[in-house]
Amino acid sequence: MSEQRRRLLVVEDDRGLQSQLRWCFEDYEVLVAEDRESALGQLRRHEPAVVLQDLGLPPDAEGVSEGFATLEQILAMAPSTKVIVVTGHGDQHNAVKAVGLGAYDFYQKPVDTDVLQLIVDRAWQIHELELENQRLARQQAVSPLDGIVAAGPKMLQVCRIIEKVAPTTATTLVLGESGTGKELMARAIHSLSPRADRAFVAINCAAIPEALLESELFGHEKGAFTGAVRQTPGKVETADGGTLFLDEIGDMPLALQAKLLRFLQERVVERVGGREEIPVDVRVVCATNQDLDAAIREGRFREDLYYRISEITVRLPPLREREIGKLVLARILLEKAASQHRRRISGFSADAQHAIENHSWPGNVRELENKIRSAVILAEGKHVTAADLGLGDIDASPPNLNLREVRRIAETEAIRRALTLSKDNVSQAAKLLGITRPTLYDLLQKYGIQSAEKADGSSPG
């Protein structure tokens, strides 16, 4: 729990009631605001966990429109804030409406300070528990693999494979789109292996010209070619005892693929211009974003090399497929970037969270990290917004979590697919769906779905 003094923002234009509440909540640091503008200013400056807000605020002190507008803006700016609205006696309708808009609770005048203290204290405790749960969730989401966030079933499965593979000497192939963290996985394999205290040597096969790649990998003898003024060991020798990471192996030239295959089979290297066979003990991890099956069919990649490097294959899901992992990862990256740049950023606004969930992330984790780093530097408030992320044009409407609607969509889709697969035969479609024929007819009528059989006027019989 937080050890700082508890802050309570009171949004109330009645000076007498302000004084009463200050006295009532002497254990709190009480902040006071009389209208919407000053309330939002206090919220930005002090970030109180709990807000006690009257619905009747100027310039509409006799109505509730200004109070509702203030409530909505407070929750948009700080979604985790617990807002307790204060309404007039018997004003049950507006109290329920306020809770529907996101208020934590409501209290009806006249003020009973003992009851109000209980409500505010409970709101504070729940706010602190939520913060603690979020902190624990982030800790659990960070896997024992250094730097890898294992939120969601797909990434958890990847991490389980890595933990099993790491202690072995199996040559491992990591597949995934650009930006999914393939090198991070290779480093995790190395750090969890018995070779962790030895060298991790990485080489990007697509970044080095073909004429130089062989020398970079296997080294060269003095005088082997123009400019070879001394004997130079290659990356393979440098990684002796440790791990060699061959990134973008799908771009390796065919001629060099044959030499790499020989090394993997014999575990010896010959430097360019030399004849001595040099034994090397090295763990090999490869990665590519290419479709190697297609490359083999097109003659761009050796099939025998593919089987040699893929004793174990790890497939990294793109960020768009990590359903519950995007926001968890984004929050961890935000904390890291805020710490690096010494910015006091509290989190993401509601529109930023929806944008993160809805964006397709073609650049995967690398794109997410770059956008968050930029947003942390550019953000003007305590929360990063969708505009700060450069995602302001994305539909930021909240996801539909209404179970009845979700079920309707799922059932409709399943029925349409079953009818397509059964060529509109209702009996066969019912079997595919695991329901009776009369039940399927009822669902067809309920969802307004026409099958060819039903359209022909066939009896459900």
Foldseek 3Di string as FASTA:
>chain_A
DDPDQAEEEEADQDPVVVVVVCVLPVSHNYHYHQFLVVSVVCCQPPVHQEYEYEQQGPPRNVDRPRSLVSLLVSCLQPVRRAYEYEYEPPPVVVQVVSVVSPHNHYHYDPDDSVVVVVVRVVSVVVSVVVVVVLVVVLVVQDDPQPPDGQAADQSVVLVVVLLVQLQDLAQEEEEEAAQLCPVSSVLSSQCNYPLVVADEAEDEQVPDDLVCVLCQAANAADPLDPPRNHGDGHRQQRQFSGEYEYEACLPHAPVVLVQVLVCLVPQWGAHRVGDDTHHGDYRYYYYHHDDVVVCVVVVRHPPSSVCSNHPDYRYRDFQLPRQPVQQSLLFVLLVVLCVVVVAQADEARLLLVLLSNQDNPSNGNVLSSVLSNQLRVPPPTNHRYCVSSVRVPDPSDDDDPDPVVVVLVVVVVLLVVLCVVVVLPQCSSCVVVVHHSVVSVVNCVVNVPDGPCVVVVDDSD
